[in-house]
Amino acid sequence: MEVKINREIRNYTESMFFGLSMRQFIFSVLACGVAVGLYFILRPYFGVETLSWMCILGAAPFAMLGFITYHGMTAEQFIWAWLRSEMLEPKEFKFEDSKRRQEPKHFSKRKEAKHD
């Protein structure tokens, strides 16, 4: 008999509904809701094939948000960190050439000799 244990215990997620975590389940339901909403809103304007692609493309971002992790952050945490670093607290870096050396003042102004 073999018992599988995660090597890294921090990666453990408890599955609640259909093998998904609560977060993944909520975002999956949200994606289905967006797809159904798009279907009923856009049905009078498009054909069935175009409408099905629009529903898929509209629901995909919401479905992905439940499963994406980046450097241990969930999608919401990553988006908030990116917005803070790029929009709310931007830092301006100035490049200065470090190889250029400052010359002493007495060498920088040369007196030219007059030739008669």
N, C-alpha and C. Protein backbone atom coordinates (compact mmCIF):
# COMPACT_ATOMS: atom_id res chain seq x y z
N MET A 1 0.84 -1.17 0.00
CA MET A 1 0.00 0.00 0.00
C MET A 1 0.89 1.24 0.00
N GLU A 2 0.52 2.20 -0.84
CA GLU A 2 1.30 3.42 -1.00
C GLU A 2 0.45 4.62 -0.66
N VAL A 3 0.98 5.53 0.11
CA VAL A 3 0.29 6.77 0.42
C VAL A 3 1.08 7.90 -0.20
N LYS A 4 0.42 8.66 -1.08
CA LYS A 4 1.10 9.78 -1.74
C LYS A 4 1.00 11.03 -0.88
N ILE A 5 2.14 11.63 -0.64
CA ILE A 5 2.21 12.86 0.14
C ILE A 5 2.97 13.88 -0.69
N ASN A 6 2.45 15.09 -0.75
CA ASN A 6 3.15 16.15 -1.48
C ASN A 6 4.53 16.38 -0.88
N ARG A 7 5.50 16.59 -1.74
CA ARG A 7 6.84 16.89 -1.23
C ARG A 7 6.84 18.23 -0.52
N GLU A 8 6.14 19.16 -1.09
CA GLU A 8 6.04 20.48 -0.48
C GLU A 8 4.64 20.63 0.09
N ILE A 9 4.52 20.62 1.38
CA ILE A 9 3.21 20.62 2.02
C ILE A 9 2.45 21.92 1.76
N ARG A 10 3.17 22.99 1.44
CA ARG A 10 2.51 24.27 1.16
C ARG A 10 1.72 24.23 -0.14
N ASN A 11 2.00 23.30 -1.03
CA ASN A 11 1.28 23.20 -2.29
C ASN A 11 -0.04 22.48 -2.16
N TYR A 12 -0.38 22.05 -0.97
CA TYR A 12 -1.61 21.30 -0.76
C TYR A 12 -2.82 22.22 -0.89
N THR A 13 -3.82 21.78 -1.65
CA THR A 13 -5.08 22.51 -1.76
C THR A 13 -6.21 21.53 -1.48
N GLU A 14 -7.13 21.94 -0.68
CA GLU A 14 -8.26 21.09 -0.34
C GLU A 14 -9.30 21.18 -1.45
N SER A 15 -9.72 20.04 -1.97
CA SER A 15 -10.73 20.04 -3.02
C SER A 15 -12.11 20.01 -2.38
N MET A 16 -12.97 20.91 -2.84
CA MET A 16 -14.29 21.04 -2.24
C MET A 16 -15.39 20.51 -3.17
N PHE A 17 -15.43 21.00 -4.40
CA PHE A 17 -16.48 20.65 -5.35
C PHE A 17 -15.85 20.11 -6.63
N PHE A 18 -16.22 18.92 -7.02
CA PHE A 18 -15.77 18.30 -8.28
C PHE A 18 -14.26 18.27 -8.41
N GLY A 19 -13.54 18.13 -7.33
CA GLY A 19 -12.09 18.08 -7.35
C GLY A 19 -11.43 19.44 -7.48
N LEU A 20 -12.20 20.51 -7.37
CA LEU A 20 -11.67 21.87 -7.46
C LEU A 20 -11.65 22.50 -6.07
N SER A 21 -10.74 23.42 -5.89
CA SER A 21 -10.75 24.18 -4.64
C SER A 21 -11.92 25.16 -4.69
N MET A 22 -12.23 25.77 -3.58
CA MET A 22 -13.35 26.71 -3.52
C MET A 22 -13.12 27.87 -4.48
N ARG A 23 -11.91 28.37 -4.52
CA ARG A 23 -11.57 29.49 -5.41
C ARG A 23 -11.75 29.10 -6.87
N GLN A 24 -11.25 27.95 -7.26
CA GLN A 24 -11.38 27.48 -8.64
C GLN A 24 -12.85 27.25 -8.99
N PHE A 25 -13.62 26.71 -8.05
CA PHE A 25 -15.03 26.46 -8.30
C PHE A 25 -15.80 27.77 -8.50
N ILE A 26 -15.52 28.77 -7.68
CA ILE A 26 -16.20 30.06 -7.81
C ILE A 26 -15.90 30.71 -9.15
N PHE A 27 -14.63 30.69 -9.56
CA PHE A 27 -14.28 31.29 -10.84
C PHE A 27 -14.84 30.49 -12.02
N SER A 28 -14.95 29.19 -11.87
CA SER A 28 -15.56 28.38 -12.94
C SER A 28 -17.04 28.69 -13.08
N VAL A 29 -17.74 28.84 -11.96
CA VAL A 29 -19.16 29.21 -12.01
C VAL A 29 -19.32 30.62 -12.59
N LEU A 30 -18.42 31.52 -12.21
CA LEU A 30 -18.45 32.87 -12.77
C LEU A 30 -18.25 32.85 -14.28
N ALA A 31 -17.33 32.03 -14.76
CA ALA A 31 -17.09 31.92 -16.21
C ALA A 31 -18.32 31.38 -16.92
N CYS A 32 -18.98 30.39 -16.33
CA CYS A 32 -20.22 29.86 -16.93
C CYS A 32 -21.30 30.93 -16.96
N GLY A 33 -21.40 31.71 -15.90
CA GLY A 33 -22.37 32.79 -15.86
C GLY A 33 -22.12 33.84 -16.92
N VAL A 34 -20.85 34.19 -17.13
CA VAL A 34 -20.50 35.16 -18.16
C VAL A 34 -20.84 34.61 -19.54
N ALA A 35 -20.55 33.33 -19.79
CA ALA A 35 -20.86 32.72 -21.08
C ALA A 35 -22.37 32.72 -21.35
N VAL A 36 -23.16 32.36 -20.35
CA VAL A 36 -24.62 32.35 -20.52
C VAL A 36 -25.14 33.77 -20.73
N GLY A 37 -24.63 34.71 -19.98
CA GLY A 37 -25.03 36.11 -20.14
C GLY A 37 -24.71 36.64 -21.53
N LEU A 38 -23.51 36.36 -22.00
CA LEU A 38 -23.13 36.79 -23.35
C LEU A 38 -24.02 36.14 -24.40
N TYR A 39 -24.37 34.88 -24.20
CA TYR A 39 -25.23 34.20 -25.16
C TYR A 39 -26.57 34.90 -25.30
N PHE A 40 -27.21 35.20 -24.17
CA PHE A 40 -28.54 35.82 -24.23
C PHE A 40 -28.48 37.28 -24.69
N ILE A 41 -27.42 37.98 -24.38
CA ILE A 41 -27.30 39.38 -24.80
C ILE A 41 -27.02 39.48 -26.29
N LEU A 42 -26.14 38.62 -26.81
CA LEU A 42 -25.68 38.74 -28.21
C LEU A 42 -26.45 37.85 -29.19
N ARG A 43 -27.38 37.03 -28.72
CA ARG A 43 -28.11 36.11 -29.59
C ARG A 43 -28.84 36.80 -30.74
N PRO A 44 -29.47 37.97 -30.55
CA PRO A 44 -30.17 38.61 -31.67
C PRO A 44 -29.23 39.19 -32.74
N TYR A 45 -27.97 39.36 -32.41
CA TYR A 45 -27.06 40.06 -33.32
C TYR A 45 -26.13 39.15 -34.12
N PHE A 46 -25.87 37.93 -33.67
CA PHE A 46 -24.89 37.07 -34.32
C PHE A 46 -25.46 35.68 -34.57
N GLY A 47 -24.81 34.94 -35.47
CA GLY A 47 -25.18 33.55 -35.72
C GLY A 47 -24.66 32.64 -34.62
N VAL A 48 -25.05 31.38 -34.68
CA VAL A 48 -24.72 30.44 -33.61
C VAL A 48 -23.22 30.20 -33.51
N GLU A 49 -22.54 30.02 -34.62
CA GLU A 49 -21.10 29.72 -34.56
C GLU A 49 -20.31 30.90 -34.03
N THR A 50 -20.57 32.09 -34.53
CA THR A 50 -19.88 33.28 -34.05
C THR A 50 -20.20 33.52 -32.58
N LEU A 51 -21.44 33.33 -32.22
CA LEU A 51 -21.86 33.52 -30.84
C LEU A 51 -21.18 32.55 -29.88
N SER A 52 -21.01 31.31 -30.31
CA SER A 52 -20.33 30.32 -29.45
C SER A 52 -18.87 30.71 -29.21
N TRP A 53 -18.19 31.22 -30.25
CA TRP A 53 -16.81 31.66 -30.07
C TRP A 53 -16.73 32.87 -29.15
N MET A 54 -17.69 33.77 -29.26
CA MET A 54 -17.69 34.95 -28.38
C MET A 54 -17.92 34.54 -26.93
N CYS A 55 -18.76 33.56 -26.71
CA CYS A 55 -18.99 33.07 -25.33
C CYS A 55 -17.73 32.43 -24.77
N ILE A 56 -17.05 31.65 -25.58
CA ILE A 56 -15.81 31.01 -25.13
C ILE A 56 -14.75 32.06 -24.80
N LEU A 57 -14.58 33.03 -25.70
CA LEU A 57 -13.56 34.06 -25.47
C LEU A 57 -13.92 34.97 -24.30
N GLY A 58 -15.21 35.19 -24.07
CA GLY A 58 -15.61 36.02 -22.94
C GLY A 58 -15.46 35.32 -21.61
N ALA A 59 -15.65 34.00 -21.59
CA ALA A 59 -15.58 33.25 -20.34
C ALA A 59 -14.16 32.81 -20.00
N ALA A 60 -13.29 32.70 -20.97
CA ALA A 60 -11.94 32.17 -20.75
C ALA A 60 -11.14 32.95 -19.71
N PRO A 61 -11.11 34.29 -19.74
CA PRO A 61 -10.33 35.00 -18.71
C PRO A 61 -10.81 34.71 -17.29
N PHE A 62 -12.12 34.63 -17.09
CA PHE A 62 -12.64 34.36 -15.75
C PHE A 62 -12.30 32.94 -15.31
N ALA A 63 -12.33 31.99 -16.24
CA ALA A 63 -11.97 30.62 -15.90
C ALA A 63 -10.49 30.51 -15.55
N MET A 64 -9.64 31.22 -16.28
CA MET A 64 -8.20 31.15 -16.02
C MET A 64 -7.81 31.77 -14.69
N LEU A 65 -8.53 32.82 -14.26
CA LEU A 65 -8.19 33.48 -13.00
C LEU A 65 -8.23 32.53 -11.81
N GLY A 66 -9.06 31.52 -11.87
CA GLY A 66 -9.15 30.58 -10.76
C GLY A 66 -7.99 29.62 -10.68
N PHE A 67 -7.26 29.43 -11.76
CA PHE A 67 -6.21 28.42 -11.80
C PHE A 67 -4.80 28.98 -11.86
N ILE A 68 -4.65 30.25 -12.18
CA ILE A 68 -3.33 30.84 -12.39
C ILE A 68 -2.67 31.18 -11.06
N THR A 69 -1.40 30.77 -10.91
CA THR A 69 -0.56 31.24 -9.81
C THR A 69 0.79 31.61 -10.42
N TYR A 70 1.38 32.67 -9.89
CA TYR A 70 2.67 33.14 -10.40
C TYR A 70 3.52 33.53 -9.20
N HIS A 71 4.64 32.89 -9.02
CA HIS A 71 5.53 33.11 -7.87
C HIS A 71 4.78 32.99 -6.55
N GLY A 72 3.87 32.04 -6.48
CA GLY A 72 3.13 31.80 -5.26
C GLY A 72 1.98 32.76 -5.02
N MET A 73 1.72 33.67 -5.96
CA MET A 73 0.61 34.61 -5.81
C MET A 73 -0.56 34.16 -6.68
N THR A 74 -1.77 34.37 -6.19
CA THR A 74 -2.93 34.10 -7.02
C THR A 74 -3.03 35.19 -8.08
N ALA A 75 -3.93 35.02 -9.03
CA ALA A 75 -4.06 35.98 -10.12
C ALA A 75 -4.42 37.37 -9.60
N GLU A 76 -5.32 37.44 -8.62
CA GLU A 76 -5.71 38.74 -8.09
C GLU A 76 -4.55 39.43 -7.39
N GLN A 77 -3.78 38.66 -6.62
CA GLN A 77 -2.62 39.24 -5.94
C GLN A 77 -1.58 39.72 -6.94
N PHE A 78 -1.37 38.95 -8.02
CA PHE A 78 -0.40 39.35 -9.04
C PHE A 78 -0.87 40.61 -9.76
N ILE A 79 -2.15 40.68 -10.12
CA ILE A 79 -2.67 41.87 -10.82
C ILE A 79 -2.55 43.10 -9.93
N TRP A 80 -2.87 42.97 -8.63
CA TRP A 80 -2.74 44.09 -7.71
C TRP A 80 -1.28 44.50 -7.56
N ALA A 81 -0.36 43.56 -7.47
CA ALA A 81 1.07 43.89 -7.35
C ALA A 81 1.56 44.58 -8.61
N TRP A 82 1.12 44.13 -9.77
CA TRP A 82 1.53 44.75 -11.03
C TRP A 82 0.98 46.17 -11.13
N LEU A 83 -0.30 46.36 -10.79
CA LEU A 83 -0.89 47.70 -10.84
C LEU A 83 -0.17 48.65 -9.89
N ARG A 84 0.17 48.17 -8.69
CA ARG A 84 0.89 49.01 -7.75
C ARG A 84 2.26 49.40 -8.27
N SER A 85 2.97 48.44 -8.85
CA SER A 85 4.34 48.73 -9.28
C SER A 85 4.38 49.55 -10.56
N GLU A 86 3.42 49.38 -11.45
CA GLU A 86 3.47 50.07 -12.73
C GLU A 86 2.64 51.34 -12.78
N MET A 87 1.51 51.38 -12.10
CA MET A 87 0.60 52.51 -12.21
C MET A 87 0.59 53.41 -10.97
N LEU A 88 0.46 52.82 -9.81
CA LEU A 88 0.28 53.61 -8.59
C LEU A 88 1.58 54.14 -8.01
N GLU A 89 2.64 53.33 -8.06
CA GLU A 89 3.92 53.73 -7.49
C GLU A 89 5.05 53.53 -8.50
N PRO A 90 4.98 54.20 -9.65
CA PRO A 90 6.04 53.98 -10.66
C PRO A 90 7.35 54.60 -10.20
N LYS A 91 8.42 53.97 -10.58
CA LYS A 91 9.74 54.48 -10.25
C LYS A 91 10.44 54.83 -11.56
N GLU A 92 11.10 55.98 -11.55
CA GLU A 92 11.81 56.41 -12.75
C GLU A 92 13.30 56.20 -12.53
N PHE A 93 13.90 55.42 -13.40
CA PHE A 93 15.32 55.14 -13.32
C PHE A 93 16.05 55.99 -14.36
N LYS A 94 17.10 56.66 -13.92
CA LYS A 94 17.90 57.46 -14.84
C LYS A 94 19.23 56.77 -15.04
N PHE A 95 19.65 56.71 -16.28
CA PHE A 95 20.92 56.08 -16.61
C PHE A 95 21.99 57.13 -16.73
N GLU A 96 23.07 56.94 -16.02
CA GLU A 96 24.22 57.80 -16.14
C GLU A 96 25.42 56.93 -16.47
N ASP A 97 26.20 57.38 -17.38
CA ASP A 97 27.37 56.62 -17.80
C ASP A 97 28.40 56.63 -16.69
N SER A 98 28.70 55.46 -16.16
CA SER A 98 29.65 55.38 -15.04
C SER A 98 31.11 55.35 -15.52
N LYS A 99 31.34 55.13 -16.81
CA LYS A 99 32.71 55.05 -17.31
C LYS A 99 33.28 56.43 -17.62
N ARG A 100 32.42 57.40 -17.77
CA ARG A 100 32.88 58.75 -18.06
C ARG A 100 33.46 59.35 -16.79
N ARG A 101 34.67 59.80 -16.88
CA ARG A 101 35.33 60.36 -15.70
C ARG A 101 35.32 61.88 -15.77
N GLN A 102 35.21 62.46 -14.64
CA GLN A 102 35.22 63.92 -14.57
C GLN A 102 36.67 64.39 -14.61
N GLU A 103 36.92 65.35 -15.49
CA GLU A 103 38.27 65.91 -15.57
C GLU A 103 38.38 67.06 -14.58
N PRO A 104 39.56 67.23 -14.02
CA PRO A 104 39.77 68.40 -13.15
C PRO A 104 39.55 69.69 -13.93
N LYS A 105 39.13 70.74 -13.23
CA LYS A 105 38.78 71.99 -13.90
C LYS A 105 39.96 72.63 -14.65
N HIS A 106 41.16 72.52 -14.12
CA HIS A 106 42.28 73.18 -14.76
C HIS A 106 42.67 72.49 -16.08
N PHE A 107 42.26 71.25 -16.33
CA PHE A 107 42.53 70.58 -17.59
C PHE A 107 41.40 70.80 -18.60
N SER A 108 40.24 71.09 -18.15
CA SER A 108 39.12 71.17 -19.07
C SER A 108 39.13 72.46 -19.88
N LYS A 109 39.70 73.56 -19.34
CA LYS A 109 39.76 74.82 -20.08
C LYS A 109 41.22 75.06 -20.46
N ARG A 110 41.52 74.86 -21.69
CA ARG A 110 42.89 75.08 -22.15
C ARG A 110 43.05 76.49 -22.69
N LYS A 111 44.18 77.05 -22.42
CA LYS A 111 44.48 78.35 -23.00
C LYS A 111 45.27 78.09 -24.27
N GLU A 112 44.74 78.66 -25.33
CA GLU A 112 45.42 78.46 -26.61
C GLU A 112 46.49 79.51 -26.78
N ALA A 113 47.61 79.07 -27.28
CA ALA A 113 48.70 79.98 -27.51
C ALA A 113 48.43 80.77 -28.80
N LYS A 114 48.80 82.07 -28.77
CA LYS A 114 48.60 82.89 -29.96
C LYS A 114 49.81 82.76 -30.87
N HIS A 115 49.50 82.53 -32.12
CA HIS A 115 50.57 82.43 -33.12
C HIS A 115 50.57 83.70 -33.95
N ASP A 116 51.71 84.41 -33.99
CA ASP A 116 51.79 85.62 -34.80
C ASP A 116 52.39 85.40 -36.12
